[in-house]
């Protein structure tokens, strides 16, 4: 029985390392250093970054929501995945991609040229639309626009 105790300790340690590596929390983007998983450009703008957390906890970072959306379209099964985007009101912070409101305005250039900016609130997107012009979309509408 004494021989099982060290093996038990090693097993607990290995399980701890395994489960800590499968985080379901977003990782901060290292702006100016991290590269976009989709287009390989360096991620520099805190308003436009995005992130995917796979069902296994693997993190993929993107320089813009349009890169994330195009990548998402290549996935066969997204069950258990988290799709997150930075948003205009709080640069560097994430919201769920599905909850974002989007403004496409030629007066707000995004890194990949889709002129796509994410917002957390209806009020914020409406206010910037009045200032900059453009059209407001939900995620389904943006996906149709980008992928067609």
C-alpha atoms as a PDB file:
ATOM      1  CA  UNK A   1       0.000   0.000   0.000  1.00  0.00           C
ATOM      2  CA  UNK A   2       2.882   2.384   0.671  1.00  0.00           C
ATOM      3  CA  UNK A   3       3.984   2.070  -2.976  1.00  0.00           C
ATOM      4  CA  UNK A   4       0.620   3.380  -4.222  1.00  0.00           C
ATOM      5  CA  UNK A   5       0.904   6.730  -2.436  1.00  0.00           C
ATOM      6  CA  UNK A   6       3.649   8.195  -4.676  1.00  0.00           C
ATOM      7  CA  UNK A   7       1.821   6.983  -7.789  1.00  0.00           C
ATOM      8  CA  UNK A   8      -1.407   8.527  -6.488  1.00  0.00           C
ATOM      9  CA  UNK A   9       0.384  11.849  -5.925  1.00  0.00           C
ATOM     10  CA  UNK A  10       1.826  11.820  -9.437  1.00  0.00           C
ATOM     11  CA  UNK A  11      -1.599  11.056 -10.908  1.00  0.00           C
ATOM     12  CA  UNK A  12      -3.186  13.945  -9.010  1.00  0.00           C
ATOM     13  CA  UNK A  13      -0.389  16.264 -10.179  1.00  0.00           C
ATOM     14  CA  UNK A  14      -0.770  15.198 -13.817  1.00  0.00           C
ATOM     15  CA  UNK A  15      -4.549  15.627 -13.697  1.00  0.00           C
ATOM     16  CA  UNK A  16      -4.087  19.089 -12.199  1.00  0.00           C
ATOM     17  CA  UNK A  17      -1.726  20.117 -14.998  1.00  0.00           C
ATOM     18  CA  UNK A  18      -4.073  18.655 -17.626  1.00  0.00           C
ATOM     19  CA  UNK A  19      -7.174  20.444 -16.363  1.00  0.00           C
ATOM     20  CA  UNK A  20      -5.388  23.754 -15.818  1.00  0.00           C
ATOM     21  CA  UNK A  21      -4.255  23.696 -19.456  1.00  0.00           C
ATOM     22  CA  UNK A  22      -7.877  23.342 -20.625  1.00  0.00           C
ATOM     23  CA  UNK A  23      -9.016  26.770 -19.517  1.00  0.00           C
ATOM     24  CA  UNK A  24     -12.338  28.054 -20.755  1.00  0.00           C
ATOM     25  CA  UNK A  25     -11.482  31.660 -19.912  1.00  0.00           C
ATOM     26  CA  UNK A  26     -10.286  34.095 -22.542  1.00  0.00           C
ATOM     27  CA  UNK A  27      -6.619  35.035 -22.590  1.00  0.00           C
ATOM     28  CA  UNK A  28      -5.656  38.671 -22.961  1.00  0.00           C
ATOM     29  CA  UNK A  29      -4.394  39.482 -26.441  1.00  0.00           C
ATOM     30  CA  UNK A  30      -0.789  40.670 -26.463  1.00  0.00           C
ATOM     31  CA  UNK A  31      -1.371  43.591 -28.841  1.00  0.00           C
ATOM     32  CA  UNK A  32       1.601  44.258 -31.081  1.00  0.00           C
ATOM     33  CA  UNK A  33       2.932  40.694 -30.624  1.00  0.00           C
ATOM     34  CA  UNK A  34       0.151  38.111 -31.120  1.00  0.00           C
ATOM     35  CA  UNK A  35      -0.684  37.134 -34.702  1.00  0.00           C
ATOM     36  CA  UNK A  36      -4.128  36.519 -36.160  1.00  0.00           C
ATOM     37  CA  UNK A  37      -4.849  32.796 -36.517  1.00  0.00           C
ATOM     38  CA  UNK A  38      -6.683  33.404 -39.799  1.00  0.00           C
ATOM     39  CA  UNK A  39      -4.612  35.968 -41.729  1.00  0.00           C
ATOM     40  CA  UNK A  40      -1.337  35.966 -39.731  1.00  0.00           C
ATOM     41  CA  UNK A  41      -1.336  39.780 -39.360  1.00  0.00           C
ATOM     42  CA  UNK A  42      -0.085  41.156 -36.042  1.00  0.00           C
ATOM     43  CA  UNK A  43      -2.985  42.115 -33.768  1.00  0.00           C
ATOM     44  CA  UNK A  44      -2.586  45.794 -32.896  1.00  0.00           C
ATOM     45  CA  UNK A  45      -5.990  47.440 -32.408  1.00  0.00           C
ATOM     46  CA  UNK A  46      -7.795  46.795 -29.109  1.00  0.00           C
ATOM     47  CA  UNK A  47     -11.173  47.717 -30.601  1.00  0.00           C
ATOM     48  CA  UNK A  48     -11.033  44.991 -33.236  1.00  0.00           C
ATOM     49  CA  UNK A  49      -9.401  41.902 -31.680  1.00  0.00           C
ATOM     50  CA  UNK A  50     -11.312  38.635 -31.285  1.00  0.00           C
ATOM     51  CA  UNK A  51     -10.807  35.200 -29.768  1.00  0.00           C
ATOM     52  CA  UNK A  52     -12.095  31.642 -30.070  1.00  0.00           C
ATOM     53  CA  UNK A  53     -11.876  29.106 -27.262  1.00  0.00           C
ATOM     54  CA  UNK A  54     -12.323  25.575 -28.599  1.00  0.00           C
ATOM     55  CA  UNK A  55     -14.251  22.843 -26.825  1.00  0.00           C
ATOM     56  CA  UNK A  56     -10.858  21.533 -25.651  1.00  0.00           C
ATOM     57  CA  UNK A  57      -9.755  24.926 -24.278  1.00  0.00           C
ATOM     58  CA  UNK A  58      -7.403  25.860 -27.120  1.00  0.00           C
ATOM     59  CA  UNK A  59      -7.251  29.621 -27.740  1.00  0.00           C
ATOM     60  CA  UNK A  60      -7.195  31.158 -31.221  1.00  0.00           C
ATOM     61  CA  UNK A  61      -6.672  34.913 -31.545  1.00  0.00           C
ATOM     62  CA  UNK A  62      -7.797  37.157 -34.400  1.00  0.00           C
ATOM     63  CA  UNK A  63      -7.065  40.738 -35.452  1.00  0.00           C
ATOM     64  CA  UNK A  64     -10.692  41.440 -36.380  1.00  0.00           C
ATOM     65  CA  UNK A  65     -14.179  39.991 -36.016  1.00  0.00           C
ATOM     66  CA  UNK A  66     -14.273  39.405 -39.775  1.00  0.00           C
ATOM     67  CA  UNK A  67     -11.300  37.023 -39.511  1.00  0.00           C
ATOM     68  CA  UNK A  68     -12.985  35.165 -36.650  1.00  0.00           C
ATOM     69  CA  UNK A  69     -16.254  34.913 -38.616  1.00  0.00           C
ATOM     70  CA  UNK A  70     -14.459  33.599 -41.702  1.00  0.00           C
ATOM     71  CA  UNK A  71     -12.578  31.064 -39.554  1.00  0.00           C
ATOM     72  CA  UNK A  72     -15.816  30.031 -37.807  1.00  0.00           C
ATOM     73  CA  UNK A  73     -17.312  29.306 -41.222  1.00  0.00           C
ATOM     74  CA  UNK A  74     -14.570  26.691 -41.843  1.00  0.00           C
ATOM     75  CA  UNK A  75     -15.388  24.703 -38.687  1.00  0.00           C
ATOM     76  CA  UNK A  76     -17.605  21.648 -38.990  1.00  0.00           C
ATOM     77  CA  UNK A  77     -18.748  21.472 -35.361  1.00  0.00           C
ATOM     78  CA  UNK A  78     -18.654  24.447 -33.001  1.00  0.00           C
ATOM     79  CA  UNK A  79     -20.460  22.832 -30.080  1.00  0.00           C
ATOM     80  CA  UNK A  80     -18.710  23.867 -26.877  1.00  0.00           C
ATOM     81  CA  UNK A  81     -16.772  26.671 -28.581  1.00  0.00           C
ATOM     82  CA  UNK A  82     -16.749  30.256 -27.317  1.00  0.00           C
ATOM     83  CA  UNK A  83     -16.588  33.083 -29.852  1.00  0.00           C
ATOM     84  CA  UNK A  84     -15.567  36.446 -28.394  1.00  0.00           C
ATOM     85  CA  UNK A  85     -14.885  39.887 -29.802  1.00  0.00           C
ATOM     86  CA  UNK A  86     -13.457  43.146 -28.532  1.00  0.00           C
ATOM     87  CA  UNK A  87     -15.938  45.983 -28.693  1.00  0.00           C
ATOM     88  CA  UNK A  88     -15.899  49.719 -29.285  1.00  0.00           C
ATOM     89  CA  UNK A  89     -17.058  50.877 -25.840  1.00  0.00           C
ATOM     90  CA  UNK A  90     -14.277  49.096 -23.894  1.00  0.00           C
ATOM     91  CA  UNK A  91     -11.211  48.370 -26.058  1.00  0.00           C
ATOM     92  CA  UNK A  92      -9.386  45.198 -25.028  1.00  0.00           C
ATOM     93  CA  UNK A  93     -12.406  43.636 -23.301  1.00  0.00           C
ATOM     94  CA  UNK A  94     -14.461  40.769 -24.734  1.00  0.00           C
ATOM     95  CA  UNK A  95     -18.148  40.071 -25.253  1.00  0.00           C
ATOM     96  CA  UNK A  96     -19.779  37.050 -26.854  1.00  0.00           C
ATOM     97  CA  UNK A  97     -19.785  37.429 -30.622  1.00  0.00           C
ATOM     98  CA  UNK A  98     -23.455  36.389 -30.703  1.00  0.00           C
ATOM     99  CA  UNK A  99     -24.402  39.274 -28.382  1.00  0.00           C
ATOM    100  CA  UNK A 100     -22.542  41.974 -30.317  1.00  0.00           C
ATOM    101  CA  UNK A 101     -24.215  44.591 -32.439  1.00  0.00           C
ATOM    102  CA  UNK A 102     -22.244  45.541 -35.547  1.00  0.00           C
ATOM    103  CA  UNK A 103     -21.812  48.741 -37.501  1.00  0.00           C
ATOM    104  CA  UNK A 104     -20.461  48.647 -41.029  1.00  0.00           C
ATOM    105  CA  UNK A 105     -19.296  52.169 -41.815  1.00  0.00           C
ATOM    106  CA  UNK A 106     -16.700  53.345 -44.314  1.00  0.00           C
ATOM    107  CA  UNK A 107     -15.800  55.995 -41.728  1.00  0.00           C
ATOM    108  CA  UNK A 108     -14.639  53.284 -39.265  1.00  0.00           C
ATOM    109  CA  UNK A 109     -11.981  51.204 -41.028  1.00  0.00           C
ATOM    110  CA  UNK A 110     -11.295  47.796 -39.477  1.00  0.00           C
ATOM    111  CA  UNK A 111      -7.988  45.909 -39.873  1.00  0.00           C
ATOM    112  CA  UNK A 112      -9.171  43.656 -42.714  1.00  0.00           C
ATOM    113  CA  UNK A 113     -11.117  46.277 -44.657  1.00  0.00           C
ATOM    114  CA  UNK A 114     -14.673  45.112 -43.933  1.00  0.00           C
ATOM    115  CA  UNK A 115     -15.359  48.367 -42.001  1.00  0.00           C
ATOM    116  CA  UNK A 116     -16.887  46.153 -39.294  1.00  0.00           C
ATOM    117  CA  UNK A 117     -16.993  47.377 -35.677  1.00  0.00           C
ATOM    118  CA  UNK A 118     -18.587  45.476 -32.767  1.00  0.00           C
ATOM    119  CA  UNK A 119     -20.585  47.130 -29.982  1.00  0.00           C
ATOM    120  CA  UNK A 120     -22.016  45.872 -26.714  1.00  0.00           C
ATOM    121  CA  UNK A 121     -25.113  48.067 -26.527  1.00  0.00           C
ATOM    122  CA  UNK A 122     -27.808  49.239 -28.914  1.00  0.00           C
ATOM    123  CA  UNK A 123     -27.342  52.793 -27.631  1.00  0.00           C
ATOM    124  CA  UNK A 124     -23.619  52.861 -28.437  1.00  0.00           C
ATOM    125  CA  UNK A 125     -23.988  51.464 -31.952  1.00  0.00           C
ATOM    126  CA  UNK A 126     -26.872  53.844 -32.701  1.00  0.00           C
ATOM    127  CA  UNK A 127     -24.902  56.851 -31.424  1.00  0.00           C
ATOM    128  CA  UNK A 128     -21.874  56.060 -33.577  1.00  0.00           C
ATOM    129  CA  UNK A 129     -24.084  55.358 -36.585  1.00  0.00           C
ATOM    130  CA  UNK A 130     -25.492  58.883 -36.227  1.00  0.00           C
ATOM    131  CA  UNK A 131     -21.937  60.298 -36.065  1.00  0.00           C
ATOM    132  CA  UNK A 132     -20.198  58.152 -38.702  1.00  0.00           C
ATOM    133  CA  UNK A 133     -22.985  56.784 -40.895  1.00  0.00           C
ATOM    134  CA  UNK A 134     -23.293  53.173 -41.973  1.00  0.00           C
ATOM    135  CA  UNK A 135     -25.625  50.270 -41.298  1.00  0.00           C
ATOM    136  CA  UNK A 136     -26.328  48.246 -38.148  1.00  0.00           C
ATOM    137  CA  UNK A 137     -26.323  44.433 -38.271  1.00  0.00           C
ATOM    138  CA  UNK A 138     -26.680  41.452 -35.951  1.00  0.00           C
ATOM    139  CA  UNK A 139     -24.290  38.489 -36.221  1.00  0.00           C
ATOM    140  CA  UNK A 140     -26.458  36.494 -38.645  1.00  0.00           C
ATOM    141  CA  UNK A 141     -26.697  39.470 -41.006  1.00  0.00           C
ATOM    142  CA  UNK A 142     -22.945  40.149 -40.766  1.00  0.00           C
ATOM    143  CA  UNK A 143     -22.168  36.498 -41.539  1.00  0.00           C
ATOM    144  CA  UNK A 144     -24.366  36.657 -44.651  1.00  0.00           C
ATOM    145  CA  UNK A 145     -22.682  39.898 -45.743  1.00  0.00           C
ATOM    146  CA  UNK A 146     -19.116  38.667 -45.197  1.00  0.00           C
ATOM    147  CA  UNK A 147     -19.520  35.124 -46.479  1.00  0.00           C
ATOM    148  CA  UNK A 148     -21.489  35.844 -49.667  1.00  0.00           C
END
